Amino acid sequence: MKNRHYRSMPKNVRVGCYNFIVEVQPQGDGEARREFGHANHCSNRIRVSPNQNPQQLANTFLHECMHAMHRTYGLGDESKEEDFTYVGANALCAFWQDNPLAVDWFLRNNALAAV
């Protein structure tokens, strides 16, 4: 993929005890359903649509990771999962964009705690 944001995207993520493969879905796969991405807990795959701008790609990636978290940890009412995930991903992306020093602090302190 030509876009550096897609090339630098993680190829897998760990959610609980599961490893999810992260991949770009073929052009047109999600368009009919108007999806930017999809998390499949049965196959442990997170798929994102191609040709998203960097901000949309980051939001979609986080959104699908949150779906994986929701299902892995059984986070409440499935009928509200999409609403929770949509709002949560948007809020976290906005927070990270608006507060890079806080994110940097969190990452530095979290990394130190693991040592």
C-alpha atoms as a PDB file:
ATOM      1  CA  MET A   1       0.000   0.000   0.000  1.00  0.00           C
ATOM      2  CA  LYS A   2       1.410   3.381  -0.996  1.00  0.00           C
ATOM      3  CA  ASN A   3       0.042   5.373   1.954  1.00  0.00           C
ATOM      4  CA  ARG A   4       2.602   5.499   4.793  1.00  0.00           C
ATOM      5  CA  HIS A   5      -0.172   5.463   7.399  1.00  0.00           C
ATOM      6  CA  TYR A   6      -1.297   2.069   6.195  1.00  0.00           C
ATOM      7  CA  ARG A   7       2.274   0.765   5.929  1.00  0.00           C
ATOM      8  CA  SER A   8       3.052   1.788   9.527  1.00  0.00           C
ATOM      9  CA  MET A   9      -0.206   0.393  10.955  1.00  0.00           C
ATOM     10  CA  PRO A  10       0.367  -2.570  13.316  1.00  0.00           C
ATOM     11  CA  LYS A  11      -0.007  -5.955  11.624  1.00  0.00           C
ATOM     12  CA  ASN A  12      -1.515  -7.433  14.789  1.00  0.00           C
ATOM     13  CA  VAL A  13      -2.787  -6.374  18.194  1.00  0.00           C
ATOM     14  CA  ARG A  14      -3.305  -8.286  21.409  1.00  0.00           C
ATOM     15  CA  VAL A  15      -6.714  -7.993  23.082  1.00  0.00           C
ATOM     16  CA  GLY A  16      -6.915  -9.997  26.273  1.00  0.00           C
ATOM     17  CA  CYS A  17      -5.610 -13.470  25.492  1.00  0.00           C
ATOM     18  CA  TYR A  18      -6.288 -13.114  21.742  1.00  0.00           C
ATOM     19  CA  ASN A  19      -4.019 -12.023  18.930  1.00  0.00           C
ATOM     20  CA  PHE A  20      -5.928 -10.158  16.204  1.00  0.00           C
ATOM     21  CA  ILE A  21      -4.442  -9.904  12.725  1.00  0.00           C
ATOM     22  CA  VAL A  22      -4.860  -6.395  11.309  1.00  0.00           C
ATOM     23  CA  GLU A  23      -5.248  -6.110   7.561  1.00  0.00           C
ATOM     24  CA  VAL A  24      -6.538  -3.853   4.827  1.00  0.00           C
ATOM     25  CA  GLN A  25      -9.642  -5.304   3.234  1.00  0.00           C
ATOM     26  CA  PRO A  26      -9.952  -5.426  -0.554  1.00  0.00           C
ATOM     27  CA  GLN A  27     -11.359  -2.334  -2.247  1.00  0.00           C
ATOM     28  CA  GLY A  28     -15.160  -2.417  -2.191  1.00  0.00           C
ATOM     29  CA  ASP A  29     -15.581  -5.091   0.519  1.00  0.00           C
ATOM     30  CA  GLY A  30     -17.057  -2.746   3.107  1.00  0.00           C
ATOM     31  CA  GLU A  31     -18.480  -0.129   0.770  1.00  0.00           C
ATOM     32  CA  ALA A  32     -21.797  -1.895   0.169  1.00  0.00           C
ATOM     33  CA  ARG A  33     -22.343  -2.035   3.947  1.00  0.00           C
ATOM     34  CA  ARG A  34     -20.952   1.500   4.381  1.00  0.00           C
ATOM     35  CA  GLU A  35     -18.231   0.179   6.713  1.00  0.00           C
ATOM     36  CA  PHE A  36     -14.811   1.704   7.234  1.00  0.00           C
ATOM     37  CA  GLY A  37     -13.694  -1.448   9.028  1.00  0.00           C
ATOM     38  CA  HIS A  38     -14.753  -4.661  10.691  1.00  0.00           C
ATOM     39  CA  ALA A  39     -13.682  -6.726  13.710  1.00  0.00           C
ATOM     40  CA  ASN A  40     -14.323 -10.457  13.504  1.00  0.00           C
ATOM     41  CA  HIS A  41     -13.947 -12.231  16.829  1.00  0.00           C
ATOM     42  CA  CYS A  42     -14.386 -15.695  15.274  1.00  0.00           C
ATOM     43  CA  SER A  43     -11.402 -15.292  12.932  1.00  0.00           C
ATOM     44  CA  ASN A  44      -9.534 -12.820  15.190  1.00  0.00           C
ATOM     45  CA  ARG A  45      -9.170 -10.313  12.375  1.00  0.00           C
ATOM     46  CA  ILE A  46      -9.512  -6.568  12.260  1.00  0.00           C
ATOM     47  CA  ARG A  47      -9.964  -5.238   8.751  1.00  0.00           C
ATOM     48  CA  VAL A  48      -9.875  -1.608   7.648  1.00  0.00           C
ATOM     49  CA  SER A  49     -10.997  -0.173   4.331  1.00  0.00           C
ATOM     50  CA  PRO A  50      -8.387   1.269   1.971  1.00  0.00           C
ATOM     51  CA  ASN A  51      -8.090   4.902   0.934  1.00  0.00           C
ATOM     52  CA  GLN A  52      -9.040   6.518   4.246  1.00  0.00           C
ATOM     53  CA  ASN A  53      -7.315   9.732   5.236  1.00  0.00           C
ATOM     54  CA  PRO A  54      -4.924   9.417   8.215  1.00  0.00           C
ATOM     55  CA  GLN A  55      -7.427  10.702  10.801  1.00  0.00           C
ATOM     56  CA  GLN A  56     -10.216   8.422   9.554  1.00  0.00           C
ATOM     57  CA  LEU A  57      -7.850   5.444   9.462  1.00  0.00           C
ATOM     58  CA  ALA A  58      -6.723   6.072  13.065  1.00  0.00           C
ATOM     59  CA  ASN A  59     -10.323   6.387  14.205  1.00  0.00           C
ATOM     60  CA  THR A  60     -11.389   3.254  12.313  1.00  0.00           C
ATOM     61  CA  PHE A  61      -8.456   1.266  13.704  1.00  0.00           C
ATOM     62  CA  LEU A  62      -9.293   2.309  17.273  1.00  0.00           C
ATOM     63  CA  HIS A  63     -13.020   1.720  16.686  1.00  0.00           C
ATOM     64  CA  GLU A  64     -12.435  -1.857  15.527  1.00  0.00           C
ATOM     65  CA  CYS A  65      -9.990  -2.527  18.386  1.00  0.00           C
ATOM     66  CA  MET A  66     -12.696  -1.338  20.776  1.00  0.00           C
ATOM     67  CA  HIS A  67     -15.158  -3.810  19.217  1.00  0.00           C
ATOM     68  CA  ALA A  68     -12.586  -6.551  19.865  1.00  0.00           C
ATOM     69  CA  MET A  69     -12.250  -5.359  23.483  1.00  0.00           C
ATOM     70  CA  HIS A  70     -16.003  -5.214  23.916  1.00  0.00           C
ATOM     71  CA  ARG A  71     -16.454  -8.811  22.839  1.00  0.00           C
ATOM     72  CA  THR A  72     -13.332 -10.151  24.552  1.00  0.00           C
ATOM     73  CA  TYR A  73     -14.211  -8.653  27.922  1.00  0.00           C
ATOM     74  CA  GLY A  74     -18.007  -8.890  27.644  1.00  0.00           C
ATOM     75  CA  LEU A  75     -18.530  -5.185  28.212  1.00  0.00           C
ATOM     76  CA  GLY A  76     -22.258  -5.005  28.692  1.00  0.00           C
ATOM     77  CA  ASP A  77     -25.270  -4.786  26.454  1.00  0.00           C
ATOM     78  CA  GLU A  78     -24.500  -5.827  22.867  1.00  0.00           C
ATOM     79  CA  SER A  79     -27.435  -3.757  21.572  1.00  0.00           C
ATOM     80  CA  LYS A  80     -25.532  -0.618  22.641  1.00  0.00           C
ATOM     81  CA  GLU A  81     -22.102  -1.797  21.509  1.00  0.00           C
ATOM     82  CA  GLU A  82     -21.980   0.228  18.280  1.00  0.00           C
ATOM     83  CA  ASP A  83     -23.062   3.447  20.020  1.00  0.00           C
ATOM     84  CA  PHE A  84     -20.534   2.925  22.821  1.00  0.00           C
ATOM     85  CA  THR A  85     -17.756   2.093  20.356  1.00  0.00           C
ATOM     86  CA  TYR A  86     -18.551   5.015  18.034  1.00  0.00           C
ATOM     87  CA  VAL A  87     -18.574   7.583  20.837  1.00  0.00           C
ATOM     88  CA  GLY A  88     -15.610   6.016  22.642  1.00  0.00           C
ATOM     89  CA  ALA A  89     -13.343   5.915  19.592  1.00  0.00           C
ATOM     90  CA  ASN A  90     -14.258   9.470  18.592  1.00  0.00           C
ATOM     91  CA  ALA A  91     -13.636  10.738  22.138  1.00  0.00           C
ATOM     92  CA  LEU A  92     -10.278   8.961  22.476  1.00  0.00           C
ATOM     93  CA  CYS A  93      -9.057  10.099  19.057  1.00  0.00           C
ATOM     94  CA  ALA A  94     -10.009  13.692  19.865  1.00  0.00           C
ATOM     95  CA  PHE A  95      -8.322  13.471  23.272  1.00  0.00           C
ATOM     96  CA  TRP A  96      -5.120  12.061  21.766  1.00  0.00           C
ATOM     97  CA  GLN A  97      -5.057  14.716  19.020  1.00  0.00           C
ATOM     98  CA  ASP A  98      -5.786  17.568  21.432  1.00  0.00           C
ATOM     99  CA  ASN A  99      -3.423  16.412  24.201  1.00  0.00           C
ATOM    100  CA  PRO A 100      -0.195  15.030  22.730  1.00  0.00           C
ATOM    101  CA  LEU A 101       1.771  15.847  25.892  1.00  0.00           C
ATOM    102  CA  ALA A 102      -0.662  13.845  28.027  1.00  0.00           C
ATOM    103  CA  VAL A 103      -0.445  10.909  25.625  1.00  0.00           C
ATOM    104  CA  ASP A 104       3.361  11.112  25.608  1.00  0.00           C
ATOM    105  CA  TRP A 105       3.375  11.212  29.426  1.00  0.00           C
ATOM    106  CA  PHE A 106       1.067   8.197  29.616  1.00  0.00           C
ATOM    107  CA  LEU A 107       3.168   6.172  27.185  1.00  0.00           C
ATOM    108  CA  ARG A 108       6.424   7.040  28.961  1.00  0.00           C
ATOM    109  CA  ASN A 109       5.033   6.179  32.409  1.00  0.00           C
ATOM    110  CA  ASN A 110       3.328   3.012  31.194  1.00  0.00           C
ATOM    111  CA  ALA A 111       6.570   1.844  29.556  1.00  0.00           C
ATOM    112  CA  LEU A 112       8.502   2.518  32.763  1.00  0.00           C
ATOM    113  CA  ALA A 113       5.987   0.550  34.811  1.00  0.00           C
ATOM    114  CA  ALA A 114       6.592  -2.523  32.641  1.00  0.00           C
ATOM    115  CA  VAL A 115      10.351  -2.534  33.397  1.00  0.00           C
END
